[in-house]
Amino acid sequence: MWNNRQRRHDATDSHAGDTSLIAAGTTVQGDVRFNGNLHLDGCIEGSIHAGPDGKAVFTLSEGGRVVGEVHVPHAIINGHVKGDIHAAERLELASEACIEGDVHYRVLEMAAGAQVNGRMVHQKESPRQLPKPPSDTAPDGVFDDDVVMDNRSHD
């Protein structure tokens, strides 16, 4: 069960359930930054940037239009974008999508009829590197922070 303190904490830290709508007939001139979900039926003339939590979703409906770059983790496009798209996680291009610019993605789903007039660039997951050991190791290979267990019996 959730107590009130946990609910309040979760609600303030996560915007995953929040959805912003820019309705058809509305034009926004300037850059847009959002958390949670952004659904665009209108037009944005400027860049679109998702918040740093990495869970944001941008949805562009069939009648929606973006003139500028899009930088989001997850995008669902069914309208017109005149600019580059950078989808850090997943990009879905529906049948009415028309992109005039380069598309950068990690995972791509593209329906028949979708158009990309630009380069399609697959972004590989960055390799994970193991941390380097400290340079000042002891001669026997034991690091300063290591715990050494001695199982020899002491008579």
Protein backbone atom coordinates (compact mmCIF):
# COMPACT_ATOMS: atom_id res chain seq x y z
CA MET A 1 0.00 0.00 0.00
CA TRP A 2 1.08 3.56 -0.65
CA ASN A 3 1.07 5.99 2.20
CA ASN A 4 0.43 9.70 1.65
CA ARG A 5 4.09 10.63 1.90
CA GLN A 6 5.06 8.19 -0.88
CA ARG A 7 2.23 9.39 -3.15
CA ARG A 8 3.19 13.05 -2.71
CA HIS A 9 6.86 12.25 -3.37
CA ASP A 10 6.11 10.22 -6.51
CA ALA A 11 3.73 12.83 -7.91
CA THR A 12 6.23 15.67 -7.59
CA ASP A 13 9.21 13.74 -8.95
CA SER A 14 7.54 12.26 -12.02
CA HIS A 15 5.85 14.03 -14.89
CA ALA A 16 5.23 10.83 -16.81
CA GLY A 17 1.44 11.13 -16.47
CA ASP A 18 1.26 14.85 -17.38
CA THR A 19 0.11 15.65 -20.91
CA SER A 20 0.26 19.05 -22.58
CA LEU A 21 -1.87 19.70 -25.67
CA ILE A 22 -1.33 22.32 -28.32
CA ALA A 23 -4.62 22.32 -30.20
CA ALA A 24 -5.27 22.63 -33.92
CA GLY A 25 -5.34 26.27 -35.00
CA THR A 26 -2.73 27.24 -32.39
CA THR A 27 0.74 28.38 -33.43
CA VAL A 28 3.58 28.66 -30.93
CA GLN A 29 6.53 30.79 -32.04
CA GLY A 30 9.63 29.97 -30.03
CA ASP A 31 11.28 26.98 -28.41
CA VAL A 32 9.17 24.59 -26.34
CA ARG A 33 10.50 22.61 -23.35
CA PHE A 34 8.30 20.00 -21.72
CA ASN A 35 8.18 17.09 -19.28
CA GLY A 36 5.79 14.16 -19.49
CA ASN A 37 3.86 14.05 -22.76
CA LEU A 38 3.35 16.72 -25.41
CA HIS A 39 0.61 16.23 -28.01
CA LEU A 40 0.73 18.66 -30.93
CA ASP A 41 -2.26 19.18 -33.21
CA GLY A 42 -1.22 22.77 -34.04
CA CYS A 43 2.10 24.27 -35.12
CA ILE A 44 5.39 25.00 -33.34
CA GLU A 45 7.87 27.29 -35.05
CA GLY A 46 10.95 26.61 -32.94
CA SER A 47 12.77 23.69 -31.41
CA ILE A 48 11.21 21.13 -29.08
CA HIS A 49 13.18 19.78 -26.11
CA ALA A 50 12.09 17.17 -23.58
CA GLY A 51 13.05 17.39 -19.91
CA PRO A 52 16.02 15.48 -18.54
CA ASP A 53 14.08 12.55 -17.02
CA GLY A 54 14.30 10.54 -20.27
CA LYS A 55 10.64 9.42 -20.14
CA ALA A 56 9.03 12.18 -22.20
CA VAL A 57 6.91 11.39 -25.26
CA PHE A 58 6.23 13.82 -28.11
CA THR A 59 3.23 13.04 -30.34
CA LEU A 60 2.62 14.96 -33.57
CA SER A 61 -0.83 14.34 -35.02
CA GLU A 62 -1.68 14.17 -38.72
CA GLY A 63 -2.58 17.88 -38.86
CA GLY A 64 0.35 19.01 -36.69
CA ARG A 65 3.46 20.79 -37.92
CA VAL A 66 6.93 21.56 -36.52
CA VAL A 67 9.37 23.99 -38.11
CA GLY A 68 12.52 23.39 -36.07
CA GLU A 69 14.48 20.61 -34.41
CA VAL A 70 12.98 17.96 -32.15
CA HIS A 71 15.07 16.52 -29.26
CA VAL A 72 13.11 13.89 -27.30
CA PRO A 73 13.55 10.35 -25.99
CA HIS A 74 10.40 9.03 -27.69
CA ALA A 75 8.53 10.55 -30.65
CA ILE A 76 5.39 9.47 -32.48
CA ILE A 77 5.13 11.42 -35.72
CA ASN A 78 2.12 11.50 -38.06
CA GLY A 79 2.41 15.11 -39.24
CA HIS A 80 4.99 17.36 -40.92
CA VAL A 81 8.42 18.20 -39.47
CA LYS A 82 10.74 20.63 -41.24
CA GLY A 83 13.94 20.10 -39.26
CA ASP A 84 16.03 17.34 -37.72
CA ILE A 85 14.59 14.82 -35.27
CA HIS A 86 16.75 13.39 -32.47
CA ALA A 87 14.92 10.52 -30.74
CA ALA A 88 17.26 9.18 -28.07
CA GLU A 89 15.22 6.01 -27.51
CA ARG A 90 12.42 5.36 -30.01
CA LEU A 91 10.96 7.01 -33.12
CA GLU A 92 7.63 5.95 -34.59
CA LEU A 93 6.75 7.31 -38.03
CA ALA A 94 3.07 6.78 -38.88
CA SER A 95 1.70 6.61 -42.42
CA GLU A 96 1.13 10.39 -42.81
CA ALA A 97 4.54 11.41 -41.41
CA CYS A 98 6.60 13.73 -43.61
CA ILE A 99 10.08 14.67 -42.39
CA GLU A 100 12.21 17.26 -44.19
CA GLY A 101 15.46 16.82 -42.30
CA ASP A 102 17.74 14.23 -40.79
CA VAL A 103 16.39 11.58 -38.46
CA HIS A 104 18.53 10.31 -35.56
CA TYR A 105 17.10 7.33 -33.69
CA ARG A 106 17.98 4.29 -31.60
CA VAL A 107 14.86 2.24 -32.44
CA LEU A 108 12.72 3.04 -35.49
CA GLU A 109 9.22 1.93 -36.45
CA MET A 110 8.11 3.23 -39.84
CA ALA A 111 4.71 2.63 -41.44
CA ALA A 112 4.10 2.38 -45.17
CA GLY A 113 3.55 5.86 -46.59
CA ALA A 114 5.82 7.70 -44.15
CA GLN A 115 8.38 9.96 -45.85
CA VAL A 116 11.87 11.01 -44.77
CA ASN A 117 13.60 13.54 -47.00
CA GLY A 118 17.01 13.53 -45.34
CA ARG A 119 19.49 11.17 -43.75
CA MET A 120 18.47 8.38 -41.40
CA VAL A 121 21.13 7.92 -38.72
CA HIS A 122 21.04 4.99 -36.32
CA GLN A 123 22.40 5.87 -32.88
CA LYS A 124 24.06 2.93 -31.22
CA GLU A 125 23.87 2.57 -27.48
CA SER A 126 27.03 3.99 -26.02
CA PRO A 127 29.30 1.21 -24.76
CA ARG A 128 29.50 0.84 -21.03
CA GLN A 129 33.02 1.02 -19.69
CA LEU A 130 34.27 -0.51 -16.50
CA PRO A 131 35.78 1.98 -14.08
CA LYS A 132 39.55 2.16 -14.21
CA PRO A 133 41.41 0.91 -11.12
CA PRO A 134 43.25 3.56 -9.13
CA SER A 135 46.84 4.07 -10.23
CA ASP A 136 48.23 3.71 -6.71
CA THR A 137 47.68 -0.01 -6.15
CA ALA A 138 49.52 -2.05 -3.62
CA PRO A 139 52.23 -4.38 -4.95
CA ASP A 140 50.16 -7.49 -4.32
CA GLY A 141 47.22 -6.17 -6.43
CA VAL A 142 45.10 -5.10 -3.45
CA PHE A 143 43.49 -1.69 -3.78
CA ASP A 144 43.21 0.75 -0.87
CA ASP A 145 39.41 0.31 -0.59
CA ASP A 146 39.46 -3.50 -0.84
CA VAL A 147 38.58 -5.64 2.13
CA VAL A 148 40.98 -8.53 2.60
CA MET A 149 39.81 -11.61 4.45
CA ASP A 150 42.40 -13.82 6.05
CA ASN A 151 41.07 -17.33 6.64
CA ARG A 152 44.28 -18.72 8.10
CA SER A 153 43.92 -20.13 11.57
CA HIS A 154 45.83 -18.27 14.26
CA ASP A 155 47.06 -20.72 16.88
